[in-house]
Amino acid sequence: MYGTGLLAVRTQIEKFPEVTKAVVEGVMEGYKYTYLNPAQALDMHIANMSELQGHRARDITKYQMLLNTALGVHPASKEHGLGYYIPEEVAQNVALATEFLSLQKHVDPSKVFTNNFVGTVKLTPAEWDKVEQSVKPYILR
C-alpha cells in the first residue's frame, strides 16, 4: 500500500486518535470491499462520479482499481492487516527517491508513517486467494 496513503495533520492525530483510527479503519474496510467485490465497487464509484459516466472512463477506472488492488497484495497486509507497512521497505523507497529524484531534504520514514492505526481489517487466506486470482496479471513478482 506504499502507493496509496492517508495523510493527516499530526496535531489532529494527537488530539483525536480515536477519530483517526476510525477513519483509517473505514478506509481499510472500503479497500477490503473493493478487493472482494470489484465489479460492485466499480459500479458504485461510477454511479457517484458523473465525470466517469462514459465507457472509456469506466474502462480506465476499472484498470486503475485492478492495479491498486494488485499493489495491495503484499505479505505485510496478509500477516498484519490492510494498511500495514514495513519500515525497511519504506526506507528503501525513500533512499531511491532521494537518489533518483534529487530530493534536497532527508525524509525519515518513522516521522511520516505509522502502523498505530492499522491491523484490524484483515482478509482470510481464502479471500486473499480470491483477490490474487482476480488481479494475477497485474501482480509483479
Protein backbone atom coordinates (compact mmCIF):
# COMPACT_ATOMS: atom_id res chain seq x y z
CA MET A 1 0.00 0.00 0.00
CA TYR A 2 3.01 2.31 -0.34
CA GLY A 3 1.49 3.92 -3.41
CA THR A 4 -1.67 4.80 -1.53
CA GLY A 5 -1.70 6.59 1.75
CA LEU A 6 -3.81 8.61 4.10
CA LEU A 7 -2.49 11.97 5.19
CA ALA A 8 -3.35 13.71 8.42
CA VAL A 9 -2.09 16.67 10.40
CA ARG A 10 -0.01 15.47 13.34
CA THR A 11 -1.83 17.71 15.83
CA GLN A 12 -5.17 16.24 14.78
CA ILE A 13 -3.83 12.70 15.14
CA GLU A 14 -2.54 13.50 18.62
CA LYS A 15 -5.70 15.33 19.68
CA PHE A 16 -8.19 12.84 18.18
CA PRO A 17 -6.52 9.40 17.93
CA GLU A 18 -9.86 7.57 18.14
CA VAL A 19 -11.20 9.55 15.17
CA THR A 20 -8.01 8.89 13.22
CA LYS A 21 -8.30 5.16 13.91
CA ALA A 22 -11.97 5.12 12.88
CA VAL A 23 -11.22 6.93 9.61
CA VAL A 24 -8.33 4.59 8.80
CA GLU A 25 -10.40 1.50 9.62
CA GLY A 26 -13.25 2.82 7.44
CA VAL A 27 -10.91 3.32 4.50
CA MET A 28 -9.42 -0.16 5.00
CA GLU A 29 -12.94 -1.65 5.10
CA GLY A 30 -13.53 0.13 1.79
CA TYR A 31 -10.38 -1.43 0.35
CA LYS A 32 -11.46 -4.84 1.58
CA TYR A 33 -14.88 -4.44 -0.04
CA THR A 34 -13.26 -3.28 -3.29
CA TYR A 35 -10.79 -6.17 -3.27
CA LEU A 36 -13.54 -8.74 -2.75
CA ASN A 37 -16.28 -7.10 -4.85
CA PRO A 38 -14.52 -5.29 -7.69
CA ALA A 39 -17.49 -5.16 -10.08
CA GLN A 40 -19.86 -3.79 -7.45
CA ALA A 41 -17.24 -1.32 -6.20
CA LEU A 42 -16.69 -0.10 -9.76
CA ASP A 43 -20.43 0.33 -10.30
CA MET A 44 -20.76 2.31 -7.06
CA HIS A 45 -17.78 4.50 -7.90
CA ILE A 46 -19.01 5.24 -11.42
CA ALA A 47 -22.55 5.95 -10.18
CA ASN A 48 -21.23 8.58 -7.78
CA MET A 49 -18.83 10.29 -10.17
CA SER A 50 -20.65 11.99 -13.04
CA GLU A 51 -17.39 12.64 -14.88
CA LEU A 52 -16.83 8.86 -15.16
CA GLN A 53 -20.09 8.00 -16.90
CA GLY A 54 -18.61 7.24 -20.35
CA HIS A 55 -17.38 3.78 -21.39
CA ARG A 56 -13.78 4.92 -21.82
CA ALA A 57 -13.69 6.46 -18.33
CA ARG A 58 -15.27 3.30 -16.92
CA ASP A 59 -12.59 1.11 -18.51
CA ILE A 60 -9.79 3.35 -17.28
CA THR A 61 -11.24 3.36 -13.76
CA LYS A 62 -11.63 -0.42 -13.83
CA TYR A 63 -7.96 -0.90 -14.66
CA GLN A 64 -6.90 1.68 -12.08
CA MET A 65 -8.82 -0.30 -9.45
CA LEU A 66 -7.23 -3.57 -10.58
CA LEU A 67 -3.74 -2.07 -10.39
CA ASN A 68 -4.44 -0.56 -6.99
CA THR A 69 -5.66 -3.93 -5.74
CA ALA A 70 -2.55 -5.65 -7.13
CA LEU A 71 -0.40 -3.18 -5.21
CA GLY A 72 -2.26 -4.13 -2.03
CA VAL A 73 -1.36 -7.81 -2.36
CA HIS A 74 1.62 -7.79 -0.05
CA PRO A 75 2.92 -10.15 2.64
CA ALA A 76 2.68 -7.39 5.28
CA SER A 77 -1.03 -6.89 4.58
CA LYS A 78 -1.65 -10.60 4.72
CA GLU A 79 0.15 -11.00 8.03
CA HIS A 80 -0.70 -7.76 9.83
CA GLY A 81 -3.83 -6.41 8.14
CA LEU A 82 -4.60 -3.90 5.43
CA GLY A 83 -2.54 -0.73 5.51
CA TYR A 84 0.43 -2.17 7.39
CA TYR A 85 3.85 -1.04 6.17
CA ILE A 86 7.32 -2.46 6.66
CA PRO A 87 9.69 0.31 7.80
CA GLU A 88 12.70 -1.14 5.97
CA GLU A 89 10.84 -1.20 2.65
CA VAL A 90 9.73 2.39 3.03
CA ALA A 91 13.30 3.37 3.92
CA GLN A 92 14.48 1.71 0.68
CA ASN A 93 11.84 3.61 -1.30
CA VAL A 94 12.91 6.88 0.33
CA ALA A 95 16.56 6.16 -0.50
CA LEU A 96 15.67 5.51 -4.14
CA ALA A 97 13.57 8.66 -4.34
CA THR A 98 16.36 10.68 -2.71
CA GLU A 99 18.88 9.39 -5.22
CA PHE A 100 16.87 9.49 -8.42
CA LEU A 101 14.63 12.48 -7.73
CA SER A 102 17.43 14.53 -6.18
CA LEU A 103 15.47 15.22 -3.02
CA GLN A 104 17.04 18.10 -1.11
CA LYS A 105 15.81 17.10 2.33
CA HIS A 106 16.21 13.77 4.11
CA VAL A 107 12.89 12.10 4.90
CA ASP A 108 12.78 9.90 7.99
CA PRO A 109 10.04 7.31 7.32
CA SER A 110 9.40 6.85 11.04
CA LYS A 111 8.35 10.52 11.21
CA VAL A 112 5.92 10.14 8.31
CA PHE A 113 4.49 6.60 8.51
CA THR A 114 2.87 4.73 11.38
CA ASN A 115 1.23 1.37 11.90
CA ASN A 116 -0.57 2.62 15.01
CA PHE A 117 -3.97 2.82 13.33
CA VAL A 118 -3.93 -0.28 11.12
CA GLY A 119 -4.15 -4.02 11.55
CA THR A 120 -7.79 -4.58 12.43
CA VAL A 121 -9.09 -5.08 8.89
CA LYS A 122 -7.92 -8.44 7.55
CA LEU A 123 -8.76 -10.90 4.82
CA THR A 124 -8.88 -14.65 5.32
CA PRO A 125 -6.46 -16.83 3.34
CA ALA A 126 -9.38 -17.84 1.08
CA GLU A 127 -10.23 -14.18 0.49
CA TRP A 128 -6.61 -13.39 -0.34
CA ASP A 129 -6.60 -16.28 -2.83
CA LYS A 130 -9.71 -14.83 -4.48
CA VAL A 131 -8.15 -11.36 -4.64
CA GLU A 132 -4.85 -12.65 -6.05
CA GLN A 133 -6.63 -14.60 -8.77
CA SER A 134 -8.64 -11.53 -9.77
CA VAL A 135 -5.51 -9.40 -10.28
CA LYS A 136 -2.97 -12.05 -11.20
CA PRO A 137 -1.94 -10.38 -14.49
CA TYR A 138 -1.14 -7.15 -12.62
CA ILE A 139 1.00 -8.52 -9.80
CA LEU A 140 4.73 -8.03 -10.28
CA ARG A 141 6.82 -10.84 -8.92
